[in-house]
C-alpha atoms as a PDB file:
ATOM      1  CA  UNK A   1       0.000   0.000   0.000  1.00  0.00           C
ATOM      2  CA  UNK A   2       2.760   2.452   0.946  1.00  0.00           C
ATOM      3  CA  UNK A   3       5.677   1.574  -1.312  1.00  0.00           C
ATOM      4  CA  UNK A   4       7.376   4.995  -1.151  1.00  0.00           C
ATOM      5  CA  UNK A   5       7.459   7.018   2.063  1.00  0.00           C
ATOM      6  CA  UNK A   6       8.819  10.566   2.036  1.00  0.00           C
ATOM      7  CA  UNK A   7      10.088  11.868   5.374  1.00  0.00           C
ATOM      8  CA  UNK A   8      11.063  15.543   5.742  1.00  0.00           C
ATOM      9  CA  UNK A   9      13.981  15.926   8.171  1.00  0.00           C
ATOM     10  CA  UNK A  10      15.207  19.098   9.858  1.00  0.00           C
ATOM     11  CA  UNK A  11      17.296  17.627  12.650  1.00  0.00           C
ATOM     12  CA  UNK A  12      14.712  18.342  15.348  1.00  0.00           C
ATOM     13  CA  UNK A  13      13.451  15.823  17.904  1.00  0.00           C
ATOM     14  CA  UNK A  14       9.977  16.220  16.408  1.00  0.00           C
ATOM     15  CA  UNK A  15      11.235  15.248  12.948  1.00  0.00           C
ATOM     16  CA  UNK A  16      12.892  12.209  14.520  1.00  0.00           C
ATOM     17  CA  UNK A  17       9.546  11.154  15.999  1.00  0.00           C
ATOM     18  CA  UNK A  18       8.083  11.334  12.508  1.00  0.00           C
ATOM     19  CA  UNK A  19      10.982   9.288  11.163  1.00  0.00           C
ATOM     20  CA  UNK A  20      10.502   6.610  13.825  1.00  0.00           C
ATOM     21  CA  UNK A  21       6.858   6.262  12.795  1.00  0.00           C
ATOM     22  CA  UNK A  22       7.864   6.082   9.124  1.00  0.00           C
ATOM     23  CA  UNK A  23      10.307   3.288  10.004  1.00  0.00           C
ATOM     24  CA  UNK A  24       7.494   1.304  11.666  1.00  0.00           C
ATOM     25  CA  UNK A  25       5.295   1.719   8.603  1.00  0.00           C
ATOM     26  CA  UNK A  26       8.121   0.912   6.186  1.00  0.00           C
ATOM     27  CA  UNK A  27       8.964  -2.248   8.089  1.00  0.00           C
ATOM     28  CA  UNK A  28       5.378  -3.530   7.984  1.00  0.00           C
ATOM     29  CA  UNK A  29       4.796  -2.576   4.335  1.00  0.00           C
ATOM     30  CA  UNK A  30       8.328  -3.260   3.048  1.00  0.00           C
ATOM     31  CA  UNK A  31       8.438   0.346   1.883  1.00  0.00           C
ATOM     32  CA  UNK A  32      11.219   2.474   0.493  1.00  0.00           C
ATOM     33  CA  UNK A  33      12.087   5.523   2.628  1.00  0.00           C
ATOM     34  CA  UNK A  34      13.374   8.774   1.210  1.00  0.00           C
ATOM     35  CA  UNK A  35      14.636  11.393   3.648  1.00  0.00           C
ATOM     36  CA  UNK A  36      14.451  14.976   2.453  1.00  0.00           C
ATOM     37  CA  UNK A  37      15.903  18.161   3.885  1.00  0.00           C
ATOM     38  CA  UNK A  38      15.078  21.609   2.530  1.00  0.00           C
ATOM     39  CA  UNK A  39      17.594  24.453   2.398  1.00  0.00           C
ATOM     40  CA  UNK A  40      15.918  27.737   1.589  1.00  0.00           C
ATOM     41  CA  UNK A  41      18.454  30.241   0.319  1.00  0.00           C
ATOM     42  CA  UNK A  42      15.890  33.034   0.514  1.00  0.00           C
ATOM     43  CA  UNK A  43      18.104  35.977   1.332  1.00  0.00           C
ATOM     44  CA  UNK A  44      21.717  35.687   0.177  1.00  0.00           C
ATOM     45  CA  UNK A  45      22.245  39.359   1.015  1.00  0.00           C
ATOM     46  CA  UNK A  46      21.598  40.554   4.564  1.00  0.00           C
ATOM     47  CA  UNK A  47      22.481  44.018   5.718  1.00  0.00           C
ATOM     48  CA  UNK A  48      24.480  44.630   2.550  1.00  0.00           C
ATOM     49  CA  UNK A  49      26.824  41.714   3.228  1.00  0.00           C
ATOM     50  CA  UNK A  50      26.856  38.603   1.064  1.00  0.00           C
ATOM     51  CA  UNK A  51      26.124  35.638   3.299  1.00  0.00           C
ATOM     52  CA  UNK A  52      28.007  32.866   1.484  1.00  0.00           C
ATOM     53  CA  UNK A  53      29.030  31.451   4.844  1.00  0.00           C
ATOM     54  CA  UNK A  54      25.371  31.178   5.811  1.00  0.00           C
ATOM     55  CA  UNK A  55      24.625  29.063   2.730  1.00  0.00           C
ATOM     56  CA  UNK A  56      27.559  26.781   3.502  1.00  0.00           C
ATOM     57  CA  UNK A  57      26.412  26.420   7.099  1.00  0.00           C
ATOM     58  CA  UNK A  58      22.805  25.692   6.125  1.00  0.00           C
ATOM     59  CA  UNK A  59      23.910  22.996   3.673  1.00  0.00           C
ATOM     60  CA  UNK A  60      26.345  21.452   6.173  1.00  0.00           C
ATOM     61  CA  UNK A  61      23.656  21.359   8.860  1.00  0.00           C
ATOM     62  CA  UNK A  62      21.270  19.752   6.379  1.00  0.00           C
ATOM     63  CA  UNK A  63      23.797  17.106   5.371  1.00  0.00           C
ATOM     64  CA  UNK A  64      24.427  16.314   9.034  1.00  0.00           C
ATOM     65  CA  UNK A  65      20.694  15.979   9.743  1.00  0.00           C
ATOM     66  CA  UNK A  66      20.231  13.678   6.741  1.00  0.00           C
ATOM     67  CA  UNK A  67      23.209  11.536   7.708  1.00  0.00           C
ATOM     68  CA  UNK A  68      22.007  11.183  11.297  1.00  0.00           C
ATOM     69  CA  UNK A  69      18.507  10.236  10.128  1.00  0.00           C
ATOM     70  CA  UNK A  70      19.877   7.755   7.602  1.00  0.00           C
ATOM     71  CA  UNK A  71      21.957   6.120  10.342  1.00  0.00           C
ATOM     72  CA  UNK A  72      18.858   5.766  12.511  1.00  0.00           C
ATOM     73  CA  UNK A  73      17.069   3.996   9.661  1.00  0.00           C
ATOM     74  CA  UNK A  74      20.056   1.687   9.145  1.00  0.00           C
ATOM     75  CA  UNK A  75      20.219   0.829  12.857  1.00  0.00           C
ATOM     76  CA  UNK A  76      16.602  -0.275  12.522  1.00  0.00           C
ATOM     77  CA  UNK A  77      17.595  -2.665   9.707  1.00  0.00           C
ATOM     78  CA  UNK A  78      16.241  -0.665   6.782  1.00  0.00           C
ATOM     79  CA  UNK A  79      17.727   1.499   4.048  1.00  0.00           C
ATOM     80  CA  UNK A  80      16.908   5.087   3.182  1.00  0.00           C
ATOM     81  CA  UNK A  81      17.790   7.389   0.332  1.00  0.00           C
ATOM     82  CA  UNK A  82      18.585  11.002   1.136  1.00  0.00           C
ATOM     83  CA  UNK A  83      18.103  14.137  -0.879  1.00  0.00           C
ATOM     84  CA  UNK A  84      18.693  17.792  -0.156  1.00  0.00           C
ATOM     85  CA  UNK A  85      16.384  20.234  -1.879  1.00  0.00           C
ATOM     86  CA  UNK A  86      17.378  23.850  -2.204  1.00  0.00           C
ATOM     87  CA  UNK A  87      16.008  26.939  -3.787  1.00  0.00           C
ATOM     88  CA  UNK A  88      15.351  30.603  -3.264  1.00  0.00           C
ATOM     89  CA  UNK A  89      12.172  31.775  -1.626  1.00  0.00           C
ATOM     90  CA  UNK A  90       8.972  29.954  -0.888  1.00  0.00           C
ATOM     91  CA  UNK A  91       8.564  27.818   2.165  1.00  0.00           C
ATOM     92  CA  UNK A  92       9.872  24.362   2.903  1.00  0.00           C
ATOM     93  CA  UNK A  93       6.386  22.967   2.335  1.00  0.00           C
ATOM     94  CA  UNK A  94       6.521  24.056  -1.316  1.00  0.00           C
ATOM     95  CA  UNK A  95       9.639  21.981  -1.896  1.00  0.00           C
ATOM     96  CA  UNK A  96       8.275  18.972   0.004  1.00  0.00           C
ATOM     97  CA  UNK A  97       4.988  18.944  -1.923  1.00  0.00           C
ATOM     98  CA  UNK A  98       6.728  19.267  -5.273  1.00  0.00           C
ATOM     99  CA  UNK A  99       9.209  16.504  -4.464  1.00  0.00           C
ATOM    100  CA  UNK A 100       6.430  14.200  -3.254  1.00  0.00           C
ATOM    101  CA  UNK A 101       4.778  14.580  -6.670  1.00  0.00           C
ATOM    102  CA  UNK A 102       8.009  14.179  -8.647  1.00  0.00           C
ATOM    103  CA  UNK A 103       9.161  11.115  -6.707  1.00  0.00           C
ATOM    104  CA  UNK A 104       5.634   9.633  -6.708  1.00  0.00           C
ATOM    105  CA  UNK A 105       5.498   9.234  -2.934  1.00  0.00           C
ATOM    106  CA  UNK A 106       2.645   7.141  -1.560  1.00  0.00           C
ATOM    107  CA  UNK A 107       2.834   8.702   1.897  1.00  0.00           C
ATOM    108  CA  UNK A 108       4.480  11.672   3.602  1.00  0.00           C
ATOM    109  CA  UNK A 109       5.283  11.243   7.295  1.00  0.00           C
ATOM    110  CA  UNK A 110       6.135  14.502   8.989  1.00  0.00           C
ATOM    111  CA  UNK A 111       6.733  15.500  12.581  1.00  0.00           C
ATOM    112  CA  UNK A 112       4.791  18.521  13.755  1.00  0.00           C
ATOM    113  CA  UNK A 113       4.996  20.756  16.781  1.00  0.00           C
ATOM    114  CA  UNK A 114       1.214  21.135  16.846  1.00  0.00           C
ATOM    115  CA  UNK A 115       1.341  24.884  17.387  1.00  0.00           C
ATOM    116  CA  UNK A 116      -1.899  26.838  17.505  1.00  0.00           C
ATOM    117  CA  UNK A 117      -2.963  30.433  17.608  1.00  0.00           C
ATOM    118  CA  UNK A 118      -0.428  33.231  17.535  1.00  0.00           C
ATOM    119  CA  UNK A 119       2.600  30.888  17.737  1.00  0.00           C
ATOM    120  CA  UNK A 120       1.464  29.153  14.530  1.00  0.00           C
ATOM    121  CA  UNK A 121       0.815  32.463  12.800  1.00  0.00           C
ATOM    122  CA  UNK A 122       4.217  33.836  13.751  1.00  0.00           C
ATOM    123  CA  UNK A 123       6.226  30.680  13.121  1.00  0.00           C
ATOM    124  CA  UNK A 124       4.166  29.266  10.262  1.00  0.00           C
ATOM    125  CA  UNK A 125       3.471  25.611   9.715  1.00  0.00           C
ATOM    126  CA  UNK A 126       5.140  23.635   6.969  1.00  0.00           C
ATOM    127  CA  UNK A 127       3.255  20.538   8.095  1.00  0.00           C
ATOM    128  CA  UNK A 128      -0.087  22.318   7.720  1.00  0.00           C
ATOM    129  CA  UNK A 129       0.940  23.595   4.295  1.00  0.00           C
ATOM    130  CA  UNK A 130       1.917  20.095   3.154  1.00  0.00           C
ATOM    131  CA  UNK A 131      -1.417  18.684   4.346  1.00  0.00           C
ATOM    132  CA  UNK A 132      -3.363  21.358   2.472  1.00  0.00           C
ATOM    133  CA  UNK A 133      -1.370  21.323  -0.770  1.00  0.00           C
ATOM    134  CA  UNK A 134      -0.265  17.773  -1.532  1.00  0.00           C
ATOM    135  CA  UNK A 135      -2.310  15.112  -3.303  1.00  0.00           C
ATOM    136  CA  UNK A 136      -0.349  12.504  -1.315  1.00  0.00           C
ATOM    137  CA  UNK A 137      -1.649  11.117   2.013  1.00  0.00           C
ATOM    138  CA  UNK A 138       0.091  12.713   4.978  1.00  0.00           C
ATOM    139  CA  UNK A 139       0.650  11.306   8.448  1.00  0.00           C
ATOM    140  CA  UNK A 140       1.380  13.994  11.037  1.00  0.00           C
ATOM    141  CA  UNK A 141       3.282  12.839  14.092  1.00  0.00           C
ATOM    142  CA  UNK A 142       2.976  15.183  17.015  1.00  0.00           C
ATOM    143  CA  UNK A 143       5.390  15.313  19.910  1.00  0.00           C
ATOM    144  CA  UNK A 144       3.260  14.574  22.963  1.00  0.00           C
ATOM    145  CA  UNK A 145       5.687  16.608  25.078  1.00  0.00           C
ATOM    146  CA  UNK A 146       5.123  19.809  23.113  1.00  0.00           C
ATOM    147  CA  UNK A 147       2.573  22.308  24.345  1.00  0.00           C
ATOM    148  CA  UNK A 148       0.487  24.147  21.821  1.00  0.00           C
END
């Protein structure tokens, strides 16, 4: 049923909870897992100074998050592909939705903080965006320790 599971990773504990749930599903369905990290290079110029170092840091952090997630999958006896998506502007959800279509994902499993009210408005919600915009089924995994 779920042959291809896409799991957005940002290195957070909440994303890891989503990954752990994706591993359980992949094990029971013999699914392929693809880990994706989004680097948004929205503003290469800040305060009149080119932020090349910022881009390098964002990419290095993303690679580290993907590697750590891939190792977790391997420790659980499964394999996972990794991919880093990058672009300028938009939100991470845009990149996730587009990649889910391109890769023909059967399911997206994403950790969410479950924010509500003003916190959600201020911080935004990539998970909510993905749910609203993708034609692919989405499983949201909320951290029970997070307060809304």
